[in-house]
């Protein structure tokens, strides 16, 4: 965690250099600065735990200067230099994500929640804290609107997939804004959809759970038994999105499954559909 703190200090120093340069050039007030953290505490393990025995999944043979890199959470090895590659693992990831559930890779709040800061003195007149749920894909849509640009429909006569994001520029201008489409996410079989305050979420090999996020941000009170019709509608929307987004059944390739994820290799699509039928 001391290394994490040092990394944050370096980020802060580097952002300061960028801001100083913008001010020196007279561009600071008319520059949109967006800053967000990575999502979720990292509870990944390394191969000395026999969790992922293929070292090539992680190994970087040498640094840019040719020094060997030692991979793994080795007690006698002090982390930090580019000759090390370590992880905080489960205990510190749990501290980092408290009070939210689970970690990076999962779609529960501990895996997806990210603080996000926007700074734009020329247009953001009054500091404010918004609780509107947004998705990272909304950033590009917002940047297009800020720039007055249109996202192309094709490139070299090939059709381009339309933007999924929605511009949150009105929120930056002090106007009311809420996302129209649900926020839908899948990662390594873990999946979820949020529409308004309702969130349907599941781990890759487990049944759906349903939460009222406005009332239960820490996802402690699973309401699915009393809200089967709502859950079924959210599930329907999820799979419509998954088909359109070409989400593949998990595991895509069982050969690279970590031991902690091994079990039934049946595609999750057929596994979860039966578990929320009213």
C-alpha atoms as a PDB file:
ATOM      1  CA  UNK A   1       0.000   0.000   0.000  1.00  0.00           C
ATOM      2  CA  UNK A   2       2.971   2.305   0.497  1.00  0.00           C
ATOM      3  CA  UNK A   3       3.815   1.717  -3.156  1.00  0.00           C
ATOM      4  CA  UNK A   4       0.217   2.554  -4.111  1.00  0.00           C
ATOM      5  CA  UNK A   5       0.541   5.806  -2.159  1.00  0.00           C
ATOM      6  CA  UNK A   6       3.789   6.611  -3.953  1.00  0.00           C
ATOM      7  CA  UNK A   7       2.100   5.980  -7.301  1.00  0.00           C
ATOM      8  CA  UNK A   8      -0.721   8.379  -6.399  1.00  0.00           C
ATOM      9  CA  UNK A   9       1.853  10.991  -5.422  1.00  0.00           C
ATOM     10  CA  UNK A  10       3.512  10.590  -8.811  1.00  0.00           C
ATOM     11  CA  UNK A  11       0.158  10.940 -10.603  1.00  0.00           C
ATOM     12  CA  UNK A  12      -0.598  14.087  -8.601  1.00  0.00           C
ATOM     13  CA  UNK A  13       2.792  15.564  -9.456  1.00  0.00           C
ATOM     14  CA  UNK A  14       2.376  14.760 -13.155  1.00  0.00           C
ATOM     15  CA  UNK A  15      -1.133  16.246 -13.305  1.00  0.00           C
ATOM     16  CA  UNK A  16       0.294  19.364 -11.698  1.00  0.00           C
ATOM     17  CA  UNK A  17       2.903  19.644 -14.460  1.00  0.00           C
ATOM     18  CA  UNK A  18       0.166  19.417 -17.101  1.00  0.00           C
ATOM     19  CA  UNK A  19      -1.897  22.099 -15.369  1.00  0.00           C
ATOM     20  CA  UNK A  20       1.128  24.386 -15.009  1.00  0.00           C
ATOM     21  CA  UNK A  21       1.813  24.028 -18.740  1.00  0.00           C
ATOM     22  CA  UNK A  22      -1.811  24.788 -19.660  1.00  0.00           C
ATOM     23  CA  UNK A  23      -1.770  27.890 -17.476  1.00  0.00           C
ATOM     24  CA  UNK A  24       1.521  29.056 -18.978  1.00  0.00           C
ATOM     25  CA  UNK A  25      -0.012  28.782 -22.453  1.00  0.00           C
ATOM     26  CA  UNK A  26      -3.271  30.482 -21.484  1.00  0.00           C
ATOM     27  CA  UNK A  27      -5.315  27.340 -22.216  1.00  0.00           C
ATOM     28  CA  UNK A  28      -6.234  26.226 -18.710  1.00  0.00           C
ATOM     29  CA  UNK A  29      -9.709  27.781 -18.433  1.00  0.00           C
ATOM     30  CA  UNK A  30     -10.854  26.387 -21.788  1.00  0.00           C
ATOM     31  CA  UNK A  31      -9.468  22.884 -21.313  1.00  0.00           C
ATOM     32  CA  UNK A  32     -11.748  20.051 -20.207  1.00  0.00           C
ATOM     33  CA  UNK A  33      -9.934  17.854 -17.712  1.00  0.00           C
ATOM     34  CA  UNK A  34     -11.525  14.501 -16.856  1.00  0.00           C
ATOM     35  CA  UNK A  35      -9.997  12.287 -14.197  1.00  0.00           C
ATOM     36  CA  UNK A  36     -11.177   8.931 -12.923  1.00  0.00           C
ATOM     37  CA  UNK A  37      -9.630   6.102 -10.954  1.00  0.00           C
ATOM     38  CA  UNK A  38      -9.330   2.530 -12.111  1.00  0.00           C
ATOM     39  CA  UNK A  39     -12.305   0.388 -11.142  1.00  0.00           C
ATOM     40  CA  UNK A  40     -12.296  -1.914  -8.149  1.00  0.00           C
ATOM     41  CA  UNK A  41      -9.669  -3.106  -5.730  1.00  0.00           C
ATOM     42  CA  UNK A  42      -7.481  -5.784  -7.308  1.00  0.00           C
ATOM     43  CA  UNK A  43      -7.791  -9.143  -5.543  1.00  0.00           C
ATOM     44  CA  UNK A  44      -5.770 -11.022  -8.173  1.00  0.00           C
ATOM     45  CA  UNK A  45      -3.307 -13.699  -7.065  1.00  0.00           C
ATOM     46  CA  UNK A  46      -0.030 -14.743  -8.606  1.00  0.00           C
ATOM     47  CA  UNK A  47       1.442 -18.056  -9.610  1.00  0.00           C
ATOM     48  CA  UNK A  48       3.304 -18.793  -6.388  1.00  0.00           C
ATOM     49  CA  UNK A  49      -0.183 -19.440  -4.974  1.00  0.00           C
ATOM     50  CA  UNK A  50      -0.651 -22.129  -7.651  1.00  0.00           C
ATOM     51  CA  UNK A  51      -3.626 -20.106  -8.776  1.00  0.00           C
ATOM     52  CA  UNK A  52      -2.485 -19.514 -12.338  1.00  0.00           C
ATOM     53  CA  UNK A  53       0.466 -21.830 -12.890  1.00  0.00           C
ATOM     54  CA  UNK A  54       1.288 -20.591 -16.399  1.00  0.00           C
ATOM     55  CA  UNK A  55       3.951 -17.971 -15.679  1.00  0.00           C
ATOM     56  CA  UNK A  56       3.700 -16.586 -19.206  1.00  0.00           C
ATOM     57  CA  UNK A  57       0.340 -15.075 -18.257  1.00  0.00           C
ATOM     58  CA  UNK A  58       2.193 -12.542 -16.115  1.00  0.00           C
ATOM     59  CA  UNK A  59       5.922 -12.679 -16.757  1.00  0.00           C
ATOM     60  CA  UNK A  60       7.763  -9.761 -18.289  1.00  0.00           C
ATOM     61  CA  UNK A  61      11.213 -11.148 -18.890  1.00  0.00           C
ATOM     62  CA  UNK A  62      13.218  -7.922 -18.564  1.00  0.00           C
ATOM     63  CA  UNK A  63      12.828  -4.209 -17.951  1.00  0.00           C
ATOM     64  CA  UNK A  64      13.565  -1.674 -20.683  1.00  0.00           C
ATOM     65  CA  UNK A  65      17.125  -1.551 -19.400  1.00  0.00           C
ATOM     66  CA  UNK A  66      17.467  -5.342 -19.572  1.00  0.00           C
ATOM     67  CA  UNK A  67      17.119  -6.227 -15.878  1.00  0.00           C
ATOM     68  CA  UNK A  68      15.117  -9.349 -14.977  1.00  0.00           C
ATOM     69  CA  UNK A  69      11.633  -8.909 -13.509  1.00  0.00           C
ATOM     70  CA  UNK A  70      10.545 -11.043 -10.558  1.00  0.00           C
ATOM     71  CA  UNK A  71       6.818 -11.748 -10.586  1.00  0.00           C
ATOM     72  CA  UNK A  72       4.852 -12.656  -7.500  1.00  0.00           C
ATOM     73  CA  UNK A  73       4.180 -11.596  -3.913  1.00  0.00           C
ATOM     74  CA  UNK A  74       7.550 -12.658  -2.537  1.00  0.00           C
ATOM     75  CA  UNK A  75       7.850 -11.779   1.186  1.00  0.00           C
ATOM     76  CA  UNK A  76      11.515 -10.839   1.111  1.00  0.00           C
ATOM     77  CA  UNK A  77      11.155  -8.738  -2.064  1.00  0.00           C
ATOM     78  CA  UNK A  78      10.369  -5.052  -1.588  1.00  0.00           C
ATOM     79  CA  UNK A  79       7.841  -3.935  -4.232  1.00  0.00           C
ATOM     80  CA  UNK A  80       7.994  -0.764  -6.253  1.00  0.00           C
ATOM     81  CA  UNK A  81      10.825  -0.841  -8.813  1.00  0.00           C
ATOM     82  CA  UNK A  82      10.229  -1.955 -12.385  1.00  0.00           C
ATOM     83  CA  UNK A  83      12.049  -5.173 -11.506  1.00  0.00           C
ATOM     84  CA  UNK A  84       9.008  -6.269  -9.427  1.00  0.00           C
ATOM     85  CA  UNK A  85       5.434  -7.192 -10.315  1.00  0.00           C
ATOM     86  CA  UNK A  86       3.282  -7.797  -7.260  1.00  0.00           C
ATOM     87  CA  UNK A  87      -0.327  -7.536  -6.086  1.00  0.00           C
ATOM     88  CA  UNK A  88      -2.086  -6.375  -2.923  1.00  0.00           C
ATOM     89  CA  UNK A  89      -4.249  -9.519  -3.123  1.00  0.00           C
ATOM     90  CA  UNK A  90      -7.510 -10.156  -1.296  1.00  0.00           C
ATOM     91  CA  UNK A  91      -7.002  -8.566   2.167  1.00  0.00           C
ATOM     92  CA  UNK A  92      -5.895  -5.117   0.963  1.00  0.00           C
ATOM     93  CA  UNK A  93      -8.361  -5.226  -1.928  1.00  0.00           C
ATOM     94  CA  UNK A  94     -11.091  -5.767   0.653  1.00  0.00           C
ATOM     95  CA  UNK A  95      -9.900  -2.713   2.601  1.00  0.00           C
ATOM     96  CA  UNK A  96      -9.750  -0.661  -0.599  1.00  0.00           C
ATOM     97  CA  UNK A  97     -13.326  -1.535  -1.601  1.00  0.00           C
ATOM     98  CA  UNK A  98     -15.026  -1.289   1.784  1.00  0.00           C
ATOM     99  CA  UNK A  99     -18.001  -1.052   2.187  1.00  0.00           C
ATOM    100  CA  UNK A 100     -18.804  -2.327  -1.313  1.00  0.00           C
ATOM    101  CA  UNK A 101     -18.986  -5.963  -2.359  1.00  0.00           C
ATOM    102  CA  UNK A 102     -16.362  -7.828  -4.388  1.00  0.00           C
ATOM    103  CA  UNK A 103     -13.557  -6.479  -6.558  1.00  0.00           C
ATOM    104  CA  UNK A 104     -12.220  -5.705  -9.984  1.00  0.00           C
ATOM    105  CA  UNK A 105     -13.605  -8.159 -12.564  1.00  0.00           C
ATOM    106  CA  UNK A 106     -16.970  -8.436 -10.793  1.00  0.00           C
ATOM    107  CA  UNK A 107     -19.993  -6.231 -11.587  1.00  0.00           C
ATOM    108  CA  UNK A 108     -21.024  -5.731  -7.975  1.00  0.00           C
ATOM    109  CA  UNK A 109     -20.401  -2.203  -6.694  1.00  0.00           C
ATOM    110  CA  UNK A 110     -16.918  -3.039  -5.410  1.00  0.00           C
ATOM    111  CA  UNK A 111     -15.867  -3.925  -8.935  1.00  0.00           C
ATOM    112  CA  UNK A 112     -17.355  -1.074 -10.954  1.00  0.00           C
ATOM    113  CA  UNK A 113     -17.669   2.055  -8.795  1.00  0.00           C
ATOM    114  CA  UNK A 114     -15.269   4.823  -9.770  1.00  0.00           C
ATOM    115  CA  UNK A 115     -14.927   8.450  -8.628  1.00  0.00           C
ATOM    116  CA  UNK A 116     -14.928  10.840 -11.575  1.00  0.00           C
ATOM    117  CA  UNK A 117     -13.848  14.509 -11.655  1.00  0.00           C
ATOM    118  CA  UNK A 118     -14.489  16.998 -14.463  1.00  0.00           C
ATOM    119  CA  UNK A 119     -12.809  20.428 -14.482  1.00  0.00           C
ATOM    120  CA  UNK A 120     -13.667  23.106 -17.069  1.00  0.00           C
ATOM    121  CA  UNK A 121     -13.576  26.685 -15.711  1.00  0.00           C
ATOM    122  CA  UNK A 122     -15.011  28.315 -18.842  1.00  0.00           C
ATOM    123  CA  UNK A 123     -18.226  26.268 -18.660  1.00  0.00           C
ATOM    124  CA  UNK A 124     -18.509  24.779 -15.178  1.00  0.00           C
ATOM    125  CA  UNK A 125     -19.383  27.844 -13.148  1.00  0.00           C
ATOM    126  CA  UNK A 126     -20.289  26.257  -9.836  1.00  0.00           C
ATOM    127  CA  UNK A 127     -18.681  23.253  -8.144  1.00  0.00           C
ATOM    128  CA  UNK A 128     -21.121  20.447  -7.515  1.00  0.00           C
ATOM    129  CA  UNK A 129     -21.290  16.790  -6.588  1.00  0.00           C
ATOM    130  CA  UNK A 130     -23.528  14.631  -8.788  1.00  0.00           C
ATOM    131  CA  UNK A 131     -24.811  11.184  -7.910  1.00  0.00           C
ATOM    132  CA  UNK A 132     -26.136  10.434 -11.400  1.00  0.00           C
ATOM    133  CA  UNK A 133     -24.954   6.981 -12.486  1.00  0.00           C
ATOM    134  CA  UNK A 134     -22.831   7.182 -15.629  1.00  0.00           C
ATOM    135  CA  UNK A 135     -20.817   4.720 -17.686  1.00  0.00           C
ATOM    136  CA  UNK A 136     -17.308   5.174 -19.009  1.00  0.00           C
ATOM    137  CA  UNK A 137     -18.664   4.930 -22.573  1.00  0.00           C
ATOM    138  CA  UNK A 138     -20.502   8.202 -21.909  1.00  0.00           C
ATOM    139  CA  UNK A 139     -17.177  10.065 -21.880  1.00  0.00           C
ATOM    140  CA  UNK A 140     -16.582   9.778 -25.622  1.00  0.00           C
ATOM    141  CA  UNK A 141     -20.144  10.861 -26.424  1.00  0.00           C
ATOM    142  CA  UNK A 142     -19.666  13.887 -24.175  1.00  0.00           C
ATOM    143  CA  UNK A 143     -16.357  14.812 -25.809  1.00  0.00           C
ATOM    144  CA  UNK A 144     -17.953  14.650 -29.261  1.00  0.00           C
ATOM    145  CA  UNK A 145     -20.707  17.037 -28.177  1.00  0.00           C
ATOM    146  CA  UNK A 146     -18.252  19.407 -26.481  1.00  0.00           C
ATOM    147  CA  UNK A 147     -16.190  19.539 -29.681  1.00  0.00           C
ATOM    148  CA  UNK A 148     -19.274  19.945 -31.883  1.00  0.00           C
ATOM    149  CA  UNK A 149     -18.255  16.845 -33.800  1.00  0.00           C
ATOM    150  CA  UNK A 150     -20.402  14.052 -35.213  1.00  0.00           C
ATOM    151  CA  UNK A 151     -19.508  10.418 -34.750  1.00  0.00           C
ATOM    152  CA  UNK A 152     -19.119   8.864 -38.235  1.00  0.00           C
ATOM    153  CA  UNK A 153     -21.495   6.177 -39.421  1.00  0.00           C
ATOM    154  CA  UNK A 154     -18.979   4.519 -41.734  1.00  0.00           C
ATOM    155  CA  UNK A 155     -15.283   4.432 -42.583  1.00  0.00           C
ATOM    156  CA  UNK A 156     -13.986   3.501 -46.013  1.00  0.00           C
ATOM    157  CA  UNK A 157     -17.474   2.271 -46.946  1.00  0.00           C
ATOM    158  CA  UNK A 158     -17.593   0.017 -43.864  1.00  0.00           C
ATOM    159  CA  UNK A 159     -20.366   0.558 -41.343  1.00  0.00           C
ATOM    160  CA  UNK A 160     -19.173   1.586 -37.872  1.00  0.00           C
ATOM    161  CA  UNK A 161     -20.826   0.380 -34.685  1.00  0.00           C
ATOM    162  CA  UNK A 162     -22.821   3.324 -33.252  1.00  0.00           C
ATOM    163  CA  UNK A 163     -21.778   4.944 -29.998  1.00  0.00           C
ATOM    164  CA  UNK A 164     -23.221   3.292 -26.914  1.00  0.00           C
ATOM    165  CA  UNK A 165     -22.611   6.291 -24.683  1.00  0.00           C
ATOM    166  CA  UNK A 166     -24.833   9.261 -23.868  1.00  0.00           C
ATOM    167  CA  UNK A 167     -23.466  12.777 -23.512  1.00  0.00           C
ATOM    168  CA  UNK A 168     -23.603  14.136 -19.962  1.00  0.00           C
ATOM    169  CA  UNK A 169     -22.768  17.682 -21.099  1.00  0.00           C
ATOM    170  CA  UNK A 170     -26.095  18.989 -19.692  1.00  0.00           C
ATOM    171  CA  UNK A 171     -24.962  17.868 -16.222  1.00  0.00           C
ATOM    172  CA  UNK A 172     -21.718  19.821 -16.619  1.00  0.00           C
ATOM    173  CA  UNK A 173     -23.744  22.895 -17.579  1.00  0.00           C
ATOM    174  CA  UNK A 174     -25.835  22.692 -14.420  1.00  0.00           C
ATOM    175  CA  UNK A 175     -28.922  21.278 -16.120  1.00  0.00           C
ATOM    176  CA  UNK A 176     -30.799  18.165 -15.078  1.00  0.00           C
ATOM    177  CA  UNK A 177     -29.539  14.982 -16.688  1.00  0.00           C
ATOM    178  CA  UNK A 178     -30.075  11.268 -16.285  1.00  0.00           C
ATOM    179  CA  UNK A 179     -28.997   8.402 -18.470  1.00  0.00           C
ATOM    180  CA  UNK A 180     -31.821   7.123 -20.684  1.00  0.00           C
ATOM    181  CA  UNK A 181     -30.511   3.656 -21.524  1.00  0.00           C
ATOM    182  CA  UNK A 182     -29.614   1.118 -18.820  1.00  0.00           C
ATOM    183  CA  UNK A 183     -25.986   0.643 -17.844  1.00  0.00           C
ATOM    184  CA  UNK A 184     -25.099  -2.870 -18.962  1.00  0.00           C
ATOM    185  CA  UNK A 185     -21.797  -4.616 -18.288  1.00  0.00           C
ATOM    186  CA  UNK A 186     -20.223  -8.049 -18.736  1.00  0.00           C
ATOM    187  CA  UNK A 187     -16.698  -9.085 -17.819  1.00  0.00           C
ATOM    188  CA  UNK A 188     -15.412 -12.654 -17.680  1.00  0.00           C
ATOM    189  CA  UNK A 189     -18.965 -13.928 -17.317  1.00  0.00           C
ATOM    190  CA  UNK A 190     -19.796 -11.617 -14.421  1.00  0.00           C
ATOM    191  CA  UNK A 191     -22.663  -9.464 -15.573  1.00  0.00           C
ATOM    192  CA  UNK A 192     -25.114  -6.795 -14.571  1.00  0.00           C
ATOM    193  CA  UNK A 193     -27.618  -4.214 -15.715  1.00  0.00           C
ATOM    194  CA  UNK A 194     -28.756  -1.070 -13.924  1.00  0.00           C
ATOM    195  CA  UNK A 195     -31.897   0.813 -14.881  1.00  0.00           C
ATOM    196  CA  UNK A 196     -32.696   3.753 -12.653  1.00  0.00           C
ATOM    197  CA  UNK A 197     -32.143   2.643  -9.079  1.00  0.00           C
ATOM    198  CA  UNK A 198     -32.586  -1.066  -9.835  1.00  0.00           C
ATOM    199  CA  UNK A 199     -29.601  -3.299 -10.478  1.00  0.00           C
ATOM    200  CA  UNK A 200     -29.648  -6.926 -11.588  1.00  0.00           C
ATOM    201  CA  UNK A 201     -26.240  -8.525 -11.083  1.00  0.00           C
ATOM    202  CA  UNK A 202     -24.639 -11.958 -10.941  1.00  0.00           C
ATOM    203  CA  UNK A 203     -21.308 -13.679 -10.640  1.00  0.00           C
ATOM    204  CA  UNK A 204     -20.514 -15.816 -13.652  1.00  0.00           C
ATOM    205  CA  UNK A 205     -21.602 -19.171 -12.173  1.00  0.00           C
ATOM    206  CA  UNK A 206     -24.254 -17.945  -9.717  1.00  0.00           C
ATOM    207  CA  UNK A 207     -27.897 -16.845  -9.968  1.00  0.00           C
ATOM    208  CA  UNK A 208     -29.047 -13.284 -10.495  1.00  0.00           C
ATOM    209  CA  UNK A 209     -29.391 -10.882  -7.557  1.00  0.00           C
ATOM    210  CA  UNK A 210     -31.560  -7.750  -7.528  1.00  0.00           C
ATOM    211  CA  UNK A 211     -30.875  -4.602  -5.532  1.00  0.00           C
ATOM    212  CA  UNK A 212     -32.417  -1.173  -5.035  1.00  0.00           C
ATOM    213  CA  UNK A 213     -29.148   0.766  -5.189  1.00  0.00           C
ATOM    214  CA  UNK A 214     -30.654   4.021  -3.908  1.00  0.00           C
ATOM    215  CA  UNK A 215     -31.621   2.252  -0.691  1.00  0.00           C
ATOM    216  CA  UNK A 216     -28.965  -0.479  -0.582  1.00  0.00           C
ATOM    217  CA  UNK A 217     -25.714   0.661  -2.207  1.00  0.00           C
ATOM    218  CA  UNK A 218     -23.738  -2.073  -0.455  1.00  0.00           C
ATOM    219  CA  UNK A 219     -25.930  -4.786  -2.030  1.00  0.00           C
ATOM    220  CA  UNK A 220     -26.853  -6.543   1.203  1.00  0.00           C
ATOM    221  CA  UNK A 221     -30.592  -7.077   0.651  1.00  0.00           C
ATOM    222  CA  UNK A 222     -31.305  -9.260  -2.389  1.00  0.00           C
ATOM    223  CA  UNK A 223     -34.896  -8.456  -3.436  1.00  0.00           C
ATOM    224  CA  UNK A 224     -35.213 -10.880  -6.327  1.00  0.00           C
ATOM    225  CA  UNK A 225     -37.702 -13.238  -4.644  1.00  0.00           C
ATOM    226  CA  UNK A 226     -40.220 -10.421  -4.211  1.00  0.00           C
ATOM    227  CA  UNK A 227     -39.499  -8.693  -7.557  1.00  0.00           C
ATOM    228  CA  UNK A 228     -39.463 -11.560 -10.046  1.00  0.00           C
ATOM    229  CA  UNK A 229     -41.264  -9.693 -12.812  1.00  0.00           C
ATOM    230  CA  UNK A 230     -38.901  -6.711 -12.519  1.00  0.00           C
ATOM    231  CA  UNK A 231     -35.909  -9.060 -12.525  1.00  0.00           C
ATOM    232  CA  UNK A 232     -37.230 -10.901 -15.571  1.00  0.00           C
ATOM    233  CA  UNK A 233     -37.615  -7.644 -17.502  1.00  0.00           C
ATOM    234  CA  UNK A 234     -34.084  -6.530 -16.601  1.00  0.00           C
ATOM    235  CA  UNK A 235     -32.747  -9.944 -17.553  1.00  0.00           C
ATOM    236  CA  UNK A 236     -34.499  -9.694 -20.923  1.00  0.00           C
ATOM    237  CA  UNK A 237     -32.898  -6.293 -21.527  1.00  0.00           C
ATOM    238  CA  UNK A 238     -29.516  -7.656 -20.495  1.00  0.00           C
ATOM    239  CA  UNK A 239     -29.590 -10.520 -22.990  1.00  0.00           C
ATOM    240  CA  UNK A 240     -30.838  -8.247 -25.762  1.00  0.00           C
ATOM    241  CA  UNK A 241     -27.790  -6.079 -25.128  1.00  0.00           C
ATOM    242  CA  UNK A 242     -25.485  -9.105 -24.808  1.00  0.00           C
ATOM    243  CA  UNK A 243     -26.585 -10.400 -28.204  1.00  0.00           C
ATOM    244  CA  UNK A 244     -26.206  -7.011 -29.858  1.00  0.00           C
ATOM    245  CA  UNK A 245     -22.812  -6.465 -28.229  1.00  0.00           C
ATOM    246  CA  UNK A 246     -21.662  -9.974 -29.242  1.00  0.00           C
ATOM    247  CA  UNK A 247     -20.971 -11.084 -25.673  1.00  0.00           C
ATOM    248  CA  UNK A 248     -19.576 -14.616 -25.716  1.00  0.00           C
ATOM    249  CA  UNK A 249     -20.609 -17.344 -23.258  1.00  0.00           C
ATOM    250  CA  UNK A 250     -18.153 -17.747 -20.424  1.00  0.00           C
ATOM    251  CA  UNK A 251     -15.653 -19.297 -20.248  1.00  0.00           C
ATOM    252  CA  UNK A 252     -14.630 -18.329 -23.758  1.00  0.00           C
ATOM    253  CA  UNK A 253     -11.529 -20.549 -23.503  1.00  0.00           C
ATOM    254  CA  UNK A 254     -11.461 -22.994 -20.543  1.00  0.00           C
ATOM    255  CA  UNK A 255      -7.702 -23.472 -21.020  1.00  0.00           C
ATOM    256  CA  UNK A 256      -6.973 -20.097 -19.421  1.00  0.00           C
ATOM    257  CA  UNK A 257      -9.389 -20.434 -16.530  1.00  0.00           C
ATOM    258  CA  UNK A 258      -7.840 -19.830 -13.122  1.00  0.00           C
ATOM    259  CA  UNK A 259      -8.456 -22.602 -10.630  1.00  0.00           C
ATOM    260  CA  UNK A 260     -10.665 -20.399  -8.466  1.00  0.00           C
ATOM    261  CA  UNK A 261     -13.085 -20.044 -11.388  1.00  0.00           C
ATOM    262  CA  UNK A 262     -13.136 -23.658 -12.471  1.00  0.00           C
ATOM    263  CA  UNK A 263     -16.267 -25.724 -12.111  1.00  0.00           C
ATOM    264  CA  UNK A 264     -19.117 -26.129 -14.516  1.00  0.00           C
ATOM    265  CA  UNK A 265     -18.038 -24.957 -17.963  1.00  0.00           C
ATOM    266  CA  UNK A 266     -21.585 -24.708 -19.237  1.00  0.00           C
ATOM    267  CA  UNK A 267     -22.227 -21.340 -20.899  1.00  0.00           C
ATOM    268  CA  UNK A 268     -23.658 -18.900 -18.358  1.00  0.00           C
ATOM    269  CA  UNK A 269     -26.386 -17.913 -20.805  1.00  0.00           C
ATOM    270  CA  UNK A 270     -28.209 -21.207 -20.362  1.00  0.00           C
ATOM    271  CA  UNK A 271     -27.321 -21.351 -16.651  1.00  0.00           C
ATOM    272  CA  UNK A 272     -28.885 -18.089 -15.517  1.00  0.00           C
ATOM    273  CA  UNK A 273     -31.947 -17.742 -17.697  1.00  0.00           C
ATOM    274  CA  UNK A 274     -33.861 -20.392 -15.743  1.00  0.00           C
ATOM    275  CA  UNK A 275     -33.105 -18.893 -12.351  1.00  0.00           C
ATOM    276  CA  UNK A 276     -35.258 -15.767 -12.507  1.00  0.00           C
ATOM    277  CA  UNK A 277     -38.298 -17.052 -14.338  1.00  0.00           C
ATOM    278  CA  UNK A 278     -41.406 -15.843 -12.505  1.00  0.00           C
END
